[in-house]
Amino acid sequence: MKYYIISGEASGDLHGSNLISALKKEDREAQFRGWGGDLMKTQGMSLVKHYRDLAFMGFIEVLFHLKTILKNIASCKADIEAFKPDVLILIDYPGFNLRIAAWAHKKGLPVHYYISPQIWAWKENRIKAIKRDVDELYVILPFEKQFYARHNRSVHFVGHPLLDALNKRAVTEPEDFISRNELNNMPIIALLPGSRKQEIKAMLHVMLQMVDRFPKHQFVIAGAPSIDPSIYQPFMSNKRVGICFGQTYDLMDMAQAALVTSGTATLETALLNVPQVVCYRGNWLSYQIAKRIVHLKYISLVNLILDREAVKELIQGALNPESLEKALKHILTPAGQESVSKDYAALWSLLGGPGASEKTAQIIYKTLKKRT
């Protein structure tokens, strides 16, 4: 069968690649084409457009790039029509994917949505479009099944695909990691400033103000593989600041603590049992708009799933050197680390266990076989 898959972010590329791997086990004649990244391409998908050309962060930024976004939507529709897939698989990225879903539904193309849009956070009215345009919906967070049940929408809770990614990874020896990245033997604080240029520029200069305040540590940036290394160069003047690309999990294995931009990375950090401080600072106007329409107690997935502040969140004005230093000092203490470990253990128990990719692939293939 022919599968067209659309992912618009780094995390979607990871989960999409694992889904493709699982689908190949179900369907030995599978053909894949779509939008995503290097990981999906490595699994055999014909890559039409890379996610690095799609990621626009914030309301104002999206407005400025509206012409490009509309052009991408038109291009995507044309490519789907030319490929004539048996199914369209959408991975998160709702602003783009829900438009494609509406169009595909009218065309009679089956739409499977893997990793539900976070409409429980904002734009809850999107439930109407999802109920109308999406044939099968796969959710990965435990509270999402109850959310959709309240809206009379059936879903498949498959567990979180990060558990699959963590189970499949190869663990690197500490000495190899240090040597490969030209680091020293000082304890490491990992910096995860995000995978978009806007995030990196907004977060790194604040995070790096901790270097002089923690002289007994070295700081290592998790460089996003999709970002040109030159973007990081202005931040690399300090000798106690290193960088590694495409090695985030290896870095986290080595880190005593991490400063993490909000997003999927907060959950990855927790599942790797690294104490963290969650950081977020965006465009002022975009933040003011978001504050008025997003109704959540927390911004990190860790706290949302646990429904309490297990990890410290520093947002917008609260993200300043003094607050960041205080929060980082706390999670480096034995008491702080013990508290975090207990919360992370509770998190694991809520996520449904490994196998999300395999469960989703089995349902997709079984559903398609019924249609044919």
Protein backbone atom coordinates (compact mmCIF):
# COMPACT_ATOMS: atom_id res chain seq x y z
CA MET A 1 0.00 0.00 0.00
CA LYS A 2 1.00 3.63 -0.42
CA TYR A 3 1.35 5.85 2.66
CA TYR A 4 1.63 9.65 2.60
CA ILE A 5 2.92 11.02 5.94
CA ILE A 6 3.20 14.64 7.09
CA SER A 7 5.30 15.75 10.05
CA GLY A 8 6.36 19.34 10.62
CA GLU A 9 8.79 19.18 13.56
CA ALA A 10 11.84 17.33 14.88
CA SER A 11 9.84 15.26 17.37
CA GLY A 12 7.38 14.29 14.63
CA ASP A 13 10.29 13.17 12.47
CA LEU A 14 11.46 10.85 15.24
CA HIS A 15 8.01 9.38 15.86
CA GLY A 16 7.29 9.21 12.13
CA SER A 17 10.48 7.23 11.53
CA ASN A 18 9.53 4.68 14.19
CA LEU A 19 6.02 4.43 12.75
CA ILE A 20 7.42 3.78 9.26
CA SER A 21 9.65 1.06 10.69
CA ALA A 22 6.64 -0.57 12.32
CA LEU A 23 4.48 -0.24 9.18
CA LYS A 24 7.15 -1.99 7.09
CA LYS A 25 6.79 -5.02 9.36
CA GLU A 26 3.03 -5.08 8.77
CA ASP A 27 3.15 -4.30 5.04
CA ARG A 28 6.15 -5.65 3.15
CA GLU A 29 5.10 -3.82 -0.03
CA ALA A 30 4.64 -0.44 1.66
CA GLN A 31 5.64 2.72 -0.20
CA PHE A 32 6.19 5.95 1.73
CA ARG A 33 6.21 9.56 0.62
CA GLY A 34 5.76 12.73 2.63
CA TRP A 35 7.01 15.71 4.58
CA GLY A 36 9.31 15.25 7.55
CA GLY A 37 13.01 14.96 8.20
CA ASP A 38 16.19 12.94 7.92
CA LEU A 39 15.03 10.15 10.23
CA MET A 40 11.92 9.44 8.16
CA LYS A 41 14.02 9.58 5.00
CA THR A 42 16.46 7.06 6.48
CA GLN A 43 13.55 4.67 7.03
CA GLY A 44 12.79 4.77 3.31
CA MET A 45 10.31 7.62 2.92
CA SER A 46 10.65 9.74 -0.22
CA LEU A 47 11.13 13.16 1.41
CA VAL A 48 9.27 15.95 -0.36
CA LYS A 49 9.96 18.81 2.06
CA HIS A 50 12.06 19.03 5.22
CA TYR A 51 10.48 20.22 8.47
CA ARG A 52 13.22 22.84 8.93
CA ASP A 53 11.50 24.80 6.12
CA LEU A 54 8.12 24.62 7.85
CA ALA A 55 8.60 25.54 11.51
CA PHE A 56 7.27 29.00 12.33
CA MET A 57 6.94 29.75 16.05
CA GLY A 58 4.39 32.17 17.54
CA PHE A 59 1.32 34.03 16.30
CA ILE A 60 3.15 37.04 14.87
CA GLU A 61 5.79 34.89 13.16
CA VAL A 62 3.10 32.80 11.47
CA LEU A 63 1.40 35.97 10.24
CA PHE A 64 4.64 37.21 8.69
CA HIS A 65 5.13 33.89 6.89
CA LEU A 66 1.49 33.37 5.87
CA LYS A 67 2.23 33.56 2.13
CA THR A 68 4.86 30.81 2.44
CA ILE A 69 2.55 28.65 4.55
CA LEU A 70 -0.30 28.90 2.03
CA LYS A 71 2.09 28.06 -0.79
CA ASN A 72 3.26 25.00 1.13
CA ILE A 73 -0.33 23.83 1.66
CA ALA A 74 -1.08 24.11 -2.06
CA SER A 75 2.13 22.29 -2.94
CA CYS A 76 1.35 19.50 -0.47
CA LYS A 77 -2.15 18.94 -1.87
CA ALA A 78 -0.80 18.69 -5.41
CA ASP A 79 1.86 16.20 -4.35
CA ILE A 80 -0.66 14.00 -2.54
CA GLU A 81 -2.89 13.93 -5.60
CA ALA A 82 0.03 12.95 -7.82
CA PHE A 83 1.12 10.14 -5.45
CA LYS A 84 -2.41 8.71 -5.01
CA PRO A 85 -1.86 7.17 -1.56
CA ASP A 86 -4.11 4.64 0.14
CA VAL A 87 -3.99 6.61 3.37
CA LEU A 88 -2.89 9.98 4.70
CA ILE A 89 -1.08 9.84 8.06
CA LEU A 90 -0.75 13.15 9.91
CA ILE A 91 1.62 13.62 12.86
CA ASP A 92 0.79 16.51 15.23
CA TYR A 93 1.53 19.91 13.52
CA PRO A 94 -2.17 20.92 13.61
CA GLY A 95 -2.14 24.36 11.95
CA PHE A 96 -1.00 22.75 8.72
CA ASN A 97 -2.27 19.21 9.06
CA LEU A 98 -5.88 20.01 9.90
CA ARG A 99 -6.14 22.02 6.68
CA ILE A 100 -4.81 19.05 4.75
CA ALA A 101 -7.19 16.72 6.61
CA ALA A 102 -10.24 18.78 5.60
CA TRP A 103 -9.16 18.71 1.97
CA ALA A 104 -8.32 14.98 2.03
CA HIS A 105 -11.66 14.10 3.65
CA LYS A 106 -13.53 15.82 0.82
CA LYS A 107 -11.44 13.82 -1.64
CA GLY A 108 -12.44 10.57 0.08
CA LEU A 109 -8.89 9.81 1.23
CA PRO A 110 -8.70 8.00 4.62
CA VAL A 111 -7.14 10.27 7.25
CA HIS A 112 -5.31 8.81 10.24
CA TYR A 113 -4.01 11.30 12.81
CA TYR A 114 -1.09 10.04 14.91
CA ILE A 115 -0.35 12.19 17.98
CA SER A 116 -3.45 14.26 18.46
CA PRO A 117 -3.32 18.06 18.25
CA GLN A 118 -3.27 19.54 21.74
CA ILE A 119 -6.75 21.00 21.48
CA TRP A 120 -7.16 20.46 25.22
CA ALA A 121 -4.71 23.37 25.59
CA TRP A 122 -6.28 25.81 23.15
CA LYS A 123 -8.55 25.95 20.11
CA GLU A 124 -10.87 23.35 21.58
CA ASN A 125 -13.31 24.21 18.81
CA ARG A 126 -11.04 22.24 16.48
CA ILE A 127 -12.83 19.18 17.81
CA LYS A 128 -15.51 19.79 15.15
CA ALA A 129 -12.96 19.52 12.35
CA ILE A 130 -11.35 16.44 13.89
CA LYS A 131 -14.70 14.65 14.26
CA ARG A 132 -15.58 15.54 10.69
CA ASP A 133 -12.29 15.04 8.85
CA VAL A 134 -10.28 12.41 10.78
CA ASP A 135 -11.14 8.72 10.40
CA GLU A 136 -8.82 7.31 13.07
CA LEU A 137 -7.22 9.28 15.90
CA TYR A 138 -4.28 8.04 17.99
CA VAL A 139 -3.60 9.73 21.33
CA ILE A 140 -0.41 9.40 23.38
CA LEU A 141 -1.19 11.14 26.69
CA PRO A 142 -3.32 9.41 29.34
CA PHE A 143 -5.72 12.30 29.93
CA GLU A 144 -6.47 12.74 26.21
CA LYS A 145 -8.72 9.69 26.03
CA GLN A 146 -11.00 11.14 28.71
CA PHE A 147 -10.92 14.55 27.00
CA TYR A 148 -12.16 13.12 23.71
CA ALA A 149 -14.72 10.91 25.45
CA ARG A 150 -16.33 14.09 26.80
CA HIS A 151 -16.69 15.16 23.16
CA ASN A 152 -18.13 11.80 22.08
CA ARG A 153 -15.12 11.04 19.90
CA SER A 154 -13.58 7.57 19.98
CA VAL A 155 -9.78 7.40 19.94
CA HIS A 156 -6.95 4.87 20.28
CA PHE A 157 -4.71 5.41 23.32
CA VAL A 158 -1.43 3.81 22.17
CA GLY A 159 0.98 5.10 24.82
CA HIS A 160 3.78 7.60 24.28
CA PRO A 161 6.17 6.90 21.35
CA LEU A 162 9.08 8.38 23.29
CA LEU A 163 9.16 5.14 25.26
CA ASP A 164 9.84 3.31 22.00
CA ALA A 165 12.61 5.71 21.02
CA LEU A 166 14.28 5.31 24.40
CA ASN A 167 14.01 1.53 24.36
CA LYS A 168 15.60 1.28 20.90
CA ARG A 169 18.55 3.58 21.42
CA ALA A 170 22.11 2.39 21.79
CA VAL A 171 23.85 3.66 24.93
CA THR A 172 27.23 5.33 24.40
CA GLU A 173 30.13 4.87 26.79
CA PRO A 174 30.86 8.10 28.73
CA GLU A 175 34.51 8.13 27.68
CA ASP A 176 33.54 7.87 24.00
CA PHE A 177 31.06 10.74 24.31
CA ILE A 178 33.57 13.01 26.06
CA SER A 179 36.32 12.23 23.57
CA ARG A 180 34.13 12.56 20.48
CA ASN A 181 32.86 15.99 21.51
CA GLU A 182 36.17 17.30 22.90
CA LEU A 183 34.79 17.79 26.41
CA ASN A 184 36.55 17.66 29.77
CA ASN A 185 35.71 15.62 32.87
CA MET A 186 33.80 18.35 34.72
CA PRO A 187 30.14 17.58 35.57
CA ILE A 188 27.78 18.52 32.72
CA ILE A 189 24.76 20.78 32.66
CA ALA A 190 22.90 20.18 29.40
CA LEU A 191 21.30 23.07 27.49
CA LEU A 192 18.33 22.26 25.25
CA PRO A 193 17.33 25.57 23.63
CA GLY A 194 14.91 24.05 21.10
CA SER A 195 14.99 23.12 17.43
CA ARG A 196 13.90 26.41 15.84
CA LYS A 197 16.15 29.37 15.12
CA GLN A 198 13.82 31.71 16.99
CA GLU A 199 13.87 29.54 20.12
CA ILE A 200 17.63 29.15 20.08
CA LYS A 201 18.26 32.89 19.80
CA ALA A 202 15.71 33.65 22.51
CA MET A 203 16.84 31.01 25.02
CA LEU A 204 20.57 30.44 24.73
CA HIS A 205 21.77 33.84 25.84
CA VAL A 206 19.79 33.49 29.09
CA MET A 207 20.86 29.89 29.70
CA LEU A 208 24.52 30.72 29.14
CA GLN A 209 24.44 33.38 31.84
CA MET A 210 24.66 30.41 34.24
CA VAL A 211 28.18 29.51 33.09
CA ASP A 212 29.98 32.00 35.34
CA ARG A 213 27.61 31.23 38.22
CA PHE A 214 28.45 27.50 38.19
CA PRO A 215 32.25 27.40 37.79
CA LYS A 216 32.53 23.71 38.74
CA HIS A 217 30.43 22.59 35.76
CA GLN A 218 30.76 22.56 31.99
CA PHE A 219 27.75 23.44 29.86
CA VAL A 220 26.96 21.47 26.70
CA ILE A 221 24.42 22.58 24.11
CA ALA A 222 22.26 19.97 22.39
CA GLY A 223 22.55 21.21 18.82
CA ALA A 224 19.54 20.50 16.63
CA PRO A 225 20.56 18.46 13.54
CA SER A 226 18.34 20.59 11.31
CA ILE A 227 20.00 23.88 12.34
CA ASP A 228 23.07 25.31 10.61
CA PRO A 229 25.96 25.15 13.12
CA SER A 230 26.73 28.82 12.39
CA ILE A 231 23.60 29.77 14.36
CA TYR A 232 25.35 28.58 17.53
CA GLN A 233 28.72 30.23 16.88
CA PRO A 234 27.92 33.58 18.60
CA PHE A 235 27.33 31.64 21.83
CA MET A 236 30.49 29.54 21.79
CA SER A 237 33.15 31.96 23.07
CA ASN A 238 33.38 30.49 26.59
CA LYS A 239 35.78 27.56 26.99
CA ARG A 240 33.39 25.78 29.37
CA VAL A 241 30.66 25.65 26.72
CA GLY A 242 30.58 22.72 24.32
CA ILE A 243 28.11 21.54 21.70
CA CYS A 244 27.06 18.21 20.23
CA PHE A 245 24.74 17.52 17.30
CA GLY A 246 22.36 14.59 17.01
CA GLN A 247 23.46 13.18 20.38
CA THR A 248 20.85 14.55 22.77
CA TYR A 249 20.13 11.24 24.52
CA ASP A 250 23.85 10.56 24.97
CA LEU A 251 24.25 14.05 26.40
CA MET A 252 21.38 13.50 28.83
CA ASP A 253 22.95 10.26 30.02
CA MET A 254 25.98 12.32 31.05
CA ALA A 255 24.20 15.37 32.49
CA GLN A 256 23.68 16.17 36.17
CA ALA A 257 20.92 18.63 35.24
CA ALA A 258 19.39 20.34 32.22
CA LEU A 259 17.90 23.66 31.18
CA VAL A 260 15.15 22.82 28.71
CA THR A 261 12.98 24.87 26.39
CA SER A 262 9.34 23.81 26.83
CA GLY A 263 8.03 21.14 24.48
CA THR A 264 8.58 17.45 23.93
CA ALA A 265 12.15 17.83 25.22
CA THR A 266 10.81 18.31 28.76
CA LEU A 267 9.27 14.83 28.66
CA GLU A 268 12.39 13.30 27.08
CA THR A 269 14.50 14.82 29.84
CA ALA A 270 12.21 13.40 32.51
CA LEU A 271 12.15 9.92 30.99
CA LEU A 272 15.95 9.97 31.00
CA ASN A 273 15.79 10.87 34.71
CA VAL A 274 17.64 14.20 34.41
CA PRO A 275 16.60 17.00 36.82
CA GLN A 276 15.51 20.01 34.79
CA VAL A 277 14.39 23.61 34.78
CA VAL A 278 11.86 24.41 32.05
CA CYS A 279 12.53 27.68 30.23
CA TYR A 280 10.39 29.66 27.82
CA ARG A 281 10.59 33.14 26.40
CA GLY A 282 8.94 34.17 23.14
CA ASN A 283 7.95 37.21 21.15
CA TRP A 284 6.25 39.62 23.57
CA LEU A 285 3.11 40.10 21.50
CA SER A 286 2.80 36.39 20.71
CA TYR A 287 3.08 35.62 24.42
CA GLN A 288 0.41 38.18 25.33
CA ILE A 289 -1.94 36.61 22.80
CA ALA A 290 -1.16 33.07 23.97
CA LYS A 291 -1.68 33.97 27.62
CA ARG A 292 -5.24 35.01 26.85
CA ILE A 293 -6.28 31.99 24.80
CA VAL A 294 -4.26 29.08 26.20
CA HIS A 295 -5.87 27.77 29.38
CA LEU A 296 -3.31 25.53 31.04
CA LYS A 297 -1.85 25.46 34.53
CA TYR A 298 1.56 24.39 33.16
CA ILE A 299 3.55 24.52 29.93
CA SER A 300 5.68 21.37 30.34
CA LEU A 301 4.33 17.92 29.52
CA VAL A 302 5.83 16.59 32.75
CA ASN A 303 3.69 18.85 34.91
CA LEU A 304 0.62 18.50 32.69
CA ILE A 305 0.66 14.71 32.92
CA LEU A 306 1.35 14.66 36.66
CA ASP A 307 -1.05 17.58 37.22
CA ARG A 308 1.36 19.30 39.60
CA GLU A 309 4.57 21.34 39.40
CA ALA A 310 7.11 18.53 39.57
CA VAL A 311 9.64 20.58 37.57
CA LYS A 312 10.20 24.32 37.87
CA GLU A 313 8.84 26.42 35.00
CA LEU A 314 10.30 29.85 34.29
CA ILE A 315 8.23 31.66 31.70
CA GLN A 316 8.77 35.00 29.96
CA GLY A 317 9.70 37.62 32.60
CA ALA A 318 10.27 34.94 35.23
CA LEU A 319 13.08 33.56 33.06
CA ASN A 320 15.87 35.75 34.41
CA PRO A 321 19.39 34.95 35.66
CA GLU A 322 18.51 35.15 39.35
CA SER A 323 15.51 32.83 39.15
CA LEU A 324 17.32 30.43 36.86
CA GLU A 325 20.33 30.24 39.17
CA LYS A 326 18.12 29.52 42.19
CA ALA A 327 16.18 26.78 40.41
CA LEU A 328 19.32 25.17 39.01
CA LYS A 329 21.05 25.17 42.39
CA HIS A 330 18.05 23.41 43.93
CA ILE A 331 17.96 20.51 41.45
CA LEU A 332 21.71 19.97 41.90
CA THR A 333 21.26 19.28 45.63
CA PRO A 334 20.70 15.69 46.84
CA ALA A 335 17.25 16.62 48.16
CA GLY A 336 16.27 18.24 44.88
CA GLN A 337 17.44 15.25 42.85
CA GLU A 338 15.65 12.75 45.09
CA SER A 339 12.38 14.67 44.78
CA VAL A 340 12.66 14.82 41.00
CA SER A 341 13.40 11.08 40.75
CA LYS A 342 10.21 10.21 42.65
CA ASP A 343 8.13 12.41 40.37
CA TYR A 344 9.72 10.94 37.26
CA ALA A 345 8.96 7.39 38.48
CA ALA A 346 5.29 8.36 38.81
CA LEU A 347 5.40 9.78 35.29
CA TRP A 348 6.63 6.48 33.78
CA SER A 349 3.71 4.62 35.34
CA LEU A 350 1.15 6.88 33.63
CA LEU A 351 2.44 6.66 30.05
CA GLY A 352 1.05 3.32 28.98
CA GLY A 353 4.24 1.36 28.39
CA PRO A 354 6.24 0.91 25.18
CA GLY A 355 4.87 -0.17 21.79
CA ALA A 356 3.06 2.96 20.55
CA SER A 357 4.55 2.69 17.06
CA GLU A 358 3.68 -1.00 16.70
CA LYS A 359 0.15 -0.58 18.08
CA THR A 360 -0.53 2.33 15.72
CA ALA A 361 0.92 0.54 12.69
CA GLN A 362 -1.20 -2.54 13.37
CA ILE A 363 -4.42 -0.52 13.61
CA ILE A 364 -3.61 1.48 10.46
CA TYR A 365 -2.84 -1.62 8.40
CA LYS A 366 -5.81 -3.59 9.73
CA THR A 367 -8.15 -0.69 8.97
CA LEU A 368 -6.82 -0.33 5.43
CA LYS A 369 -7.12 -4.05 4.77
CA LYS A 370 -10.78 -3.89 5.77
CA ARG A 371 -11.37 -1.10 3.25
CA THR A 372 -9.78 -3.05 0.44
